[in-house]
Amino acid sequence: MKPGKRNLITDVPGLLVGNAKDETLKSGVSVLLGTEPFTAAVHVMGGAPGTRETDLLAPDKTVQQVDALVLSGGSAFGLDAASGVADALRAQGRGFAVGDQRVPIVPGAILFDLLNGGDKDWTENPYKKLGTAALANAAEDFALGTEGAGTGATTRSLKGGLGSASLVLDCGITVGALVAVNALGDVTGNGPEFWAGPWEFGEEFGGLGPVRRHDSGAEPGFKHGQATTIAIVATDAALSQAEAQRMATAAHDGMARAIVPSHTPYDGDLVFTAATGARALPDPILSPMALGHAAATCLARAIARGVYSARPAAADPVPCWAQKFRPEEQP
């Protein structure tokens, strides 16, 4: 296995990502868009999730494919971002056909970033417009760090961010991950090394190697505004909804490798799967296991990349990784 040419989730053909943010609000939205509808599933491990239209992703439900997936800041207010995406897709003639109507299927998940130093004194919920803007920005290339849904994200001791990574399996199937890291836990030990270090390719998040075995990091502490890591893992493999759900379940292993602790009662940790179906599985038994391992690896790397790429902004409650560990390089 090796990363795709962009080392982004958009290495999966047929998928685009759009981001929008408001620097004053210190929040934003990320949209994963398929050029065609794709199979989707979800698995939740955190104790405090916030979601839209996730019930229909169960294998026994009528709708088997979706048009887009949305990750948003803003807590429950951020769920309105998916409405902006749905409205824009309907205007494009996309959506589930019901008679002469089209109903875009746009599941979403949110993270809590309401107490991160941004101005949240709005008179009108801003997330619907941010969702529309994120969809309009959908492209194969996009920036990491303080972008999209990761704009105002934090971890216990560092600024969070938007991360992504990809892998191309030996059989030719591509797997990718997109994540907004806003965790109660830490992504590093006491030093600059990332918990995800053993799964790093090259120097994609500094090339520092793994956390030292005796370096267990600080004790977790509850702080409002530092909860929920939401992610999407994607592939061009042909998967049923049940198989896609198993891939999402396996991907949570990557979250646990990269964030300590993860899946706490105060995190709404959630993983979506997006499967475009362009490639048949070479082996019905072994291939799904390989996909699960690749998804977990991609997600762990994406989490580290998101935090590593974060940039400082006014009123940040915690420093970004570069400020804390490479202050000599800061302007």
Protein backbone atom coordinates (compact mmCIF):
# COMPACT_ATOMS: atom_id res chain seq x y z
CA MET A 1 0.00 0.00 0.00
CA LYS A 2 1.05 3.58 -0.62
CA PRO A 3 -0.65 6.99 -0.53
CA GLY A 4 -2.45 8.25 -3.62
CA LYS A 5 -1.05 11.13 -5.66
CA ARG A 6 -2.77 13.82 -3.55
CA ASN A 7 -2.78 11.94 -0.23
CA LEU A 8 -6.36 13.16 0.14
CA ILE A 9 -9.75 11.46 0.23
CA THR A 10 -10.28 12.80 -3.30
CA ASP A 11 -7.80 10.23 -4.57
CA VAL A 12 -10.95 8.09 -4.63
CA PRO A 13 -12.22 8.83 -8.16
CA GLY A 14 -15.60 10.52 -8.31
CA LEU A 15 -15.35 12.30 -4.95
CA LEU A 16 -14.84 16.02 -4.32
CA VAL A 17 -14.44 18.03 -1.12
CA GLY A 18 -15.55 21.60 -0.54
CA ASN A 19 -14.75 23.75 2.49
CA ALA A 20 -16.10 27.05 3.78
CA LYS A 21 -15.27 28.94 6.96
CA ASP A 22 -15.93 32.14 8.84
CA GLU A 23 -12.80 33.45 10.58
CA THR A 24 -14.79 35.66 12.96
CA LEU A 25 -17.12 32.83 13.86
CA LYS A 26 -14.11 30.48 14.14
CA SER A 27 -16.11 27.67 12.57
CA GLY A 28 -16.87 26.12 9.22
CA VAL A 29 -18.28 23.33 7.08
CA SER A 30 -16.83 20.54 4.94
CA VAL A 31 -18.80 18.70 2.24
CA LEU A 32 -17.94 15.41 0.55
CA LEU A 33 -19.70 15.38 -2.83
CA GLY A 34 -20.01 12.50 -5.25
CA THR A 35 -20.12 13.20 -8.96
CA GLU A 36 -22.77 10.44 -8.82
CA PRO A 37 -24.77 9.13 -5.83
CA PHE A 38 -22.76 6.74 -3.66
CA THR A 39 -23.41 4.06 -1.06
CA ALA A 40 -23.04 5.39 2.48
CA ALA A 41 -23.09 4.04 6.02
CA VAL A 42 -22.28 5.28 9.50
CA HIS A 43 -21.02 4.02 12.84
CA VAL A 44 -21.03 5.98 16.11
CA MET A 45 -18.68 5.23 19.02
CA GLY A 46 -18.85 8.47 21.00
CA GLY A 47 -21.37 9.18 23.72
CA ALA A 48 -22.57 12.59 22.50
CA PRO A 49 -23.26 12.54 18.74
CA GLY A 50 -25.15 15.13 16.73
CA THR A 51 -26.45 13.93 13.37
CA ARG A 52 -28.90 14.40 10.51
CA GLU A 53 -30.44 11.65 8.35
CA THR A 54 -28.23 8.88 9.71
CA ASP A 55 -31.13 6.49 10.42
CA LEU A 56 -31.68 6.00 6.68
CA LEU A 57 -28.12 4.69 6.32
CA ALA A 58 -29.02 1.39 7.97
CA PRO A 59 -28.86 -1.58 5.56
CA ASP A 60 -32.61 -2.27 5.85
CA LYS A 61 -33.74 1.22 4.84
CA THR A 62 -35.22 2.15 1.44
CA VAL A 63 -32.64 4.71 0.33
CA GLN A 64 -29.36 2.97 -0.44
CA GLN A 65 -27.32 5.90 -1.82
CA VAL A 66 -26.71 9.54 -0.92
CA ASP A 67 -25.62 12.65 -2.80
CA ALA A 68 -23.28 14.20 -0.24
CA LEU A 69 -22.05 14.00 3.34
CA VAL A 70 -21.57 17.04 5.57
CA LEU A 71 -19.22 17.66 8.50
CA SER A 72 -19.87 20.90 10.37
CA GLY A 73 -18.94 22.93 13.38
CA GLY A 74 -21.59 24.74 15.37
CA SER A 75 -23.05 21.94 17.51
CA ALA A 76 -26.77 21.49 16.79
CA PHE A 77 -26.85 24.77 14.86
CA GLY A 78 -24.40 23.23 12.39
CA LEU A 79 -26.94 20.64 11.30
CA ASP A 80 -28.47 23.41 9.19
CA ALA A 81 -25.40 23.25 6.92
CA ALA A 82 -26.85 20.13 5.29
CA SER A 83 -29.99 22.11 4.43
CA GLY A 84 -27.89 24.55 2.42
CA VAL A 85 -26.23 21.66 0.61
CA ALA A 86 -29.56 19.96 -0.07
CA ASP A 87 -31.12 23.14 -1.45
CA ALA A 88 -28.19 23.71 -3.80
CA LEU A 89 -28.21 20.10 -5.01
CA ARG A 90 -31.96 20.27 -5.66
CA ALA A 91 -31.39 23.38 -7.77
CA GLN A 92 -28.92 21.27 -9.80
CA GLY A 93 -31.59 18.61 -10.37
CA ARG A 94 -29.96 16.08 -8.07
CA GLY A 95 -31.64 13.89 -5.49
CA PHE A 96 -33.76 10.81 -4.84
CA ALA A 97 -36.60 10.71 -7.38
CA VAL A 98 -40.13 10.83 -5.92
CA GLY A 99 -42.61 11.37 -8.72
CA ASP A 100 -41.63 14.60 -10.42
CA GLN A 101 -39.67 15.78 -7.36
CA ARG A 102 -36.02 15.35 -6.43
CA VAL A 103 -35.01 15.04 -2.78
CA PRO A 104 -31.24 15.25 -2.20
CA ILE A 105 -30.08 12.85 0.52
CA VAL A 106 -27.48 14.67 2.62
CA PRO A 107 -26.59 13.07 5.98
CA GLY A 108 -24.45 15.14 8.29
CA ALA A 109 -22.68 15.26 11.63
CA ILE A 110 -21.56 18.12 13.84
CA LEU A 111 -18.89 18.93 16.41
CA PHE A 112 -19.03 21.32 19.34
CA ASP A 113 -16.95 24.48 18.80
CA LEU A 114 -19.20 27.12 20.38
CA LEU A 115 -16.73 28.07 23.15
CA ASN A 116 -13.53 28.41 21.13
CA GLY A 117 -13.11 32.20 21.22
CA GLY A 118 -15.11 33.00 18.10
CA ASP A 119 -18.00 35.44 17.87
CA LYS A 120 -21.14 33.33 18.17
CA ASP A 121 -23.56 36.23 18.72
CA TRP A 122 -25.35 35.78 15.41
CA THR A 123 -28.89 36.96 14.63
CA GLU A 124 -29.34 34.34 11.88
CA ASN A 125 -27.93 30.84 11.90
CA PRO A 126 -24.87 31.08 9.59
CA TYR A 127 -24.43 27.40 8.85
CA LYS A 128 -26.92 27.05 5.99
CA LYS A 129 -24.97 29.63 3.98
CA LEU A 130 -21.68 28.01 4.94
CA GLY A 131 -23.01 24.68 3.68
CA THR A 132 -23.99 26.24 0.36
CA ALA A 133 -20.58 27.89 0.06
CA ALA A 134 -18.74 24.67 0.90
CA LEU A 135 -20.62 22.79 -1.83
CA ALA A 136 -19.76 25.51 -4.35
CA ASN A 137 -16.07 25.05 -3.47
CA ALA A 138 -16.07 21.28 -4.09
CA ALA A 139 -12.88 20.21 -5.88
CA GLU A 140 -10.25 17.49 -5.96
CA ASP A 141 -7.66 19.63 -4.16
CA PHE A 142 -8.28 21.29 -0.79
CA ALA A 143 -6.28 22.63 2.14
CA LEU A 144 -5.81 20.95 5.52
CA GLY A 145 -5.62 22.31 9.05
CA THR A 146 -7.65 25.39 9.93
CA GLU A 147 -10.19 24.84 7.19
CA GLY A 148 -13.81 23.77 6.81
CA ALA A 149 -15.28 21.89 9.74
CA GLY A 150 -11.86 21.93 11.41
CA THR A 151 -11.60 25.75 11.48
CA GLY A 152 -12.37 26.15 15.17
CA ALA A 153 -11.62 22.63 16.35
CA THR A 154 -9.47 21.87 19.39
CA THR A 155 -8.01 18.92 21.26
CA ARG A 156 -7.14 18.76 24.95
CA SER A 157 -3.87 20.67 24.57
CA LEU A 158 -3.58 21.67 20.90
CA LYS A 159 -5.62 23.25 18.17
CA GLY A 160 -7.44 20.68 16.05
CA GLY A 161 -8.12 20.83 12.35
CA LEU A 162 -9.24 19.24 9.12
CA GLY A 163 -7.19 16.25 8.02
CA SER A 164 -7.12 13.83 5.12
CA ALA A 165 -5.06 10.92 3.82
CA SER A 166 -5.28 8.11 1.29
CA LEU A 167 -3.92 4.67 0.41
CA VAL A 168 -3.89 2.65 -2.79
CA LEU A 169 -4.06 -1.08 -2.08
CA ASP A 170 -2.02 -3.59 -4.06
CA CYS A 171 -5.22 -4.69 -5.83
CA GLY A 172 -5.76 -1.14 -7.12
CA ILE A 173 -8.62 -0.16 -4.80
CA THR A 174 -8.25 3.29 -3.23
CA VAL A 175 -9.18 4.20 0.34
CA GLY A 176 -9.23 7.71 1.82
CA ALA A 177 -10.21 9.56 4.97
CA LEU A 178 -11.47 13.06 5.81
CA VAL A 179 -11.72 14.15 9.45
CA ALA A 180 -12.47 17.17 11.62
CA VAL A 181 -10.45 16.68 14.82
CA ASN A 182 -12.12 18.24 17.87
CA ALA A 183 -11.29 15.75 20.59
CA LEU A 184 -11.45 15.66 24.36
CA GLY A 185 -8.19 13.69 24.24
CA ASP A 186 -4.69 14.40 22.89
CA VAL A 187 -3.09 13.50 19.56
CA THR A 188 0.46 13.72 20.95
CA GLY A 189 2.18 12.50 24.08
CA ASN A 190 4.10 14.97 26.24
CA GLY A 191 6.31 15.80 23.28
CA PRO A 192 5.71 16.64 19.62
CA GLU A 193 5.40 13.03 18.45
CA PHE A 194 1.96 11.90 17.33
CA TRP A 195 0.21 8.80 18.61
CA ALA A 196 -0.39 8.00 14.93
CA GLY A 197 3.35 8.00 14.28
CA PRO A 198 3.71 4.26 13.59
CA TRP A 199 1.38 4.59 10.59
CA GLU A 200 3.00 7.66 9.04
CA PHE A 201 4.19 7.65 5.43
CA GLY A 202 7.29 9.76 4.85
CA GLU A 203 7.06 13.06 6.71
CA GLU A 204 3.36 13.76 6.19
CA PHE A 205 3.09 15.00 9.78
CA GLY A 206 6.69 15.77 10.60
CA GLY A 207 8.42 12.40 10.39
CA LEU A 208 9.05 12.41 14.14
CA GLY A 209 8.42 8.74 14.74
CA PRO A 210 6.15 7.23 17.39
CA VAL A 211 5.47 8.52 20.88
CA ARG A 212 7.98 7.08 23.34
CA ARG A 213 6.55 4.11 25.21
CA HIS A 214 6.93 5.72 28.63
CA ASP A 215 5.41 8.99 27.45
CA SER A 216 1.76 8.40 28.28
CA GLY A 217 0.67 12.02 27.95
CA ALA A 218 -1.35 14.11 30.38
CA GLU A 219 -4.39 12.95 32.27
CA PRO A 220 -7.59 13.77 30.37
CA GLY A 221 -9.62 16.67 31.65
CA PHE A 222 -13.11 17.75 30.65
CA LYS A 223 -13.32 21.14 28.94
CA HIS A 224 -16.35 22.45 27.13
CA GLY A 225 -15.75 22.96 23.43
CA GLN A 226 -13.27 20.12 23.09
CA ALA A 227 -15.46 17.24 22.06
CA THR A 228 -16.25 15.18 18.97
CA THR A 229 -14.14 13.93 16.09
CA ILE A 230 -16.22 13.37 12.97
CA ALA A 231 -14.88 11.58 9.92
CA ILE A 232 -15.56 10.03 6.54
CA VAL A 233 -13.71 7.06 5.09
CA ALA A 234 -14.18 6.41 1.39
CA THR A 235 -13.36 3.86 -1.26
CA ASP A 236 -13.98 3.13 -4.92
CA ALA A 237 -14.81 -0.48 -4.04
CA ALA A 238 -18.32 -1.84 -4.64
CA LEU A 239 -19.82 -2.31 -1.17
CA SER A 240 -23.29 -3.01 0.14
CA GLN A 241 -24.52 -0.78 2.95
CA ALA A 242 -23.77 -3.58 5.41
CA GLU A 243 -20.20 -3.89 4.11
CA ALA A 244 -19.80 -0.11 4.19
CA GLN A 245 -20.95 -0.07 7.81
CA ARG A 246 -18.34 -2.67 8.73
CA MET A 247 -15.71 -0.46 7.08
CA ALA A 248 -16.84 2.50 9.21
CA THR A 249 -16.70 0.32 12.32
CA ALA A 250 -13.15 -0.81 11.55
CA ALA A 251 -12.08 2.77 10.85
CA HIS A 252 -12.76 3.68 14.48
CA ASP A 253 -9.62 1.70 15.33
CA GLY A 254 -7.68 4.46 13.58
CA MET A 255 -9.32 7.08 15.76
CA ALA A 256 -8.31 5.16 18.87
CA ARG A 257 -4.72 4.86 17.58
CA ALA A 258 -4.45 8.61 17.01
CA ILE A 259 -6.38 10.16 19.94
CA VAL A 260 -5.87 9.29 23.61
CA PRO A 261 -8.45 8.87 25.02
CA SER A 262 -11.05 8.56 22.28
CA HIS A 263 -14.74 7.58 22.20
CA THR A 264 -15.43 9.18 25.57
CA PRO A 265 -18.94 9.90 26.89
CA TYR A 266 -18.40 13.56 25.98
CA ASP A 267 -17.20 12.98 22.41
CA GLY A 268 -19.68 12.36 19.60
CA ASP A 269 -17.11 10.36 17.65
CA LEU A 270 -18.61 9.18 14.38
CA VAL A 271 -17.39 7.72 11.07
CA PHE A 272 -19.26 7.72 7.76
CA THR A 273 -18.32 5.45 4.86
CA ALA A 274 -18.68 6.50 1.23
CA ALA A 275 -18.32 3.78 -1.44
CA THR A 276 -18.54 4.75 -5.11
CA GLY A 277 -18.72 1.15 -6.38
CA ALA A 278 -16.34 1.60 -9.32
CA ARG A 279 -14.22 -1.49 -8.50
CA ALA A 280 -15.35 -5.00 -7.65
CA LEU A 281 -13.88 -6.66 -4.57
CA PRO A 282 -11.19 -9.16 -5.62
CA ASP A 283 -12.07 -11.47 -2.72
CA PRO A 284 -15.41 -11.36 -0.86
CA ILE A 285 -13.80 -12.51 2.40
CA LEU A 286 -10.30 -11.01 2.45
CA SER A 287 -10.95 -7.73 0.65
CA PRO A 288 -13.34 -6.26 3.25
CA MET A 289 -10.73 -6.94 5.95
CA ALA A 290 -8.07 -5.17 3.89
CA LEU A 291 -10.41 -2.23 3.40
CA GLY A 292 -11.08 -1.99 7.14
CA HIS A 293 -7.36 -1.98 7.93
CA ALA A 294 -6.67 0.62 5.25
CA ALA A 295 -9.52 2.81 6.50
CA ALA A 296 -8.21 2.72 10.07
CA THR A 297 -4.69 3.54 8.88
CA CYS A 298 -5.90 6.43 6.74
CA LEU A 299 -8.01 7.86 9.54
CA ALA A 300 -5.16 7.75 12.07
CA ARG A 301 -2.87 9.56 9.60
CA ALA A 302 -5.58 12.07 8.66
CA ILE A 303 -6.09 12.98 12.33
CA ALA A 304 -2.40 13.70 12.80
CA ARG A 305 -2.21 15.64 9.53
CA GLY A 306 -5.15 17.83 10.54
CA VAL A 307 -3.56 18.85 13.83
CA TYR A 308 -0.07 19.17 12.32
CA SER A 309 -1.41 21.56 9.65
CA ALA A 310 -3.42 23.82 11.98
CA ARG A 311 -2.58 27.54 11.96
CA PRO A 312 -2.89 30.10 14.77
CA ALA A 313 -5.68 32.65 14.91
CA ALA A 314 -6.74 35.38 17.30
CA ALA A 315 -8.36 34.27 20.56
CA ASP A 316 -7.42 30.61 20.16
CA PRO A 317 -7.96 28.82 23.50
CA VAL A 318 -4.99 26.50 22.88
CA PRO A 319 -1.85 26.73 20.71
CA CYS A 320 -1.48 24.97 17.40
CA TRP A 321 1.13 22.20 17.07
CA ALA A 322 3.70 24.43 15.34
CA GLN A 323 3.39 27.17 17.98
CA LYS A 324 4.03 24.71 20.78
CA PHE A 325 6.71 22.54 19.25
CA ARG A 326 8.34 24.71 16.56
CA PRO A 327 8.02 28.27 17.90
CA GLU A 328 11.25 29.31 16.18
CA GLU A 329 9.53 28.84 12.82
CA GLN A 330 6.58 31.11 13.67
CA PRO A 331 6.45 34.68 12.33
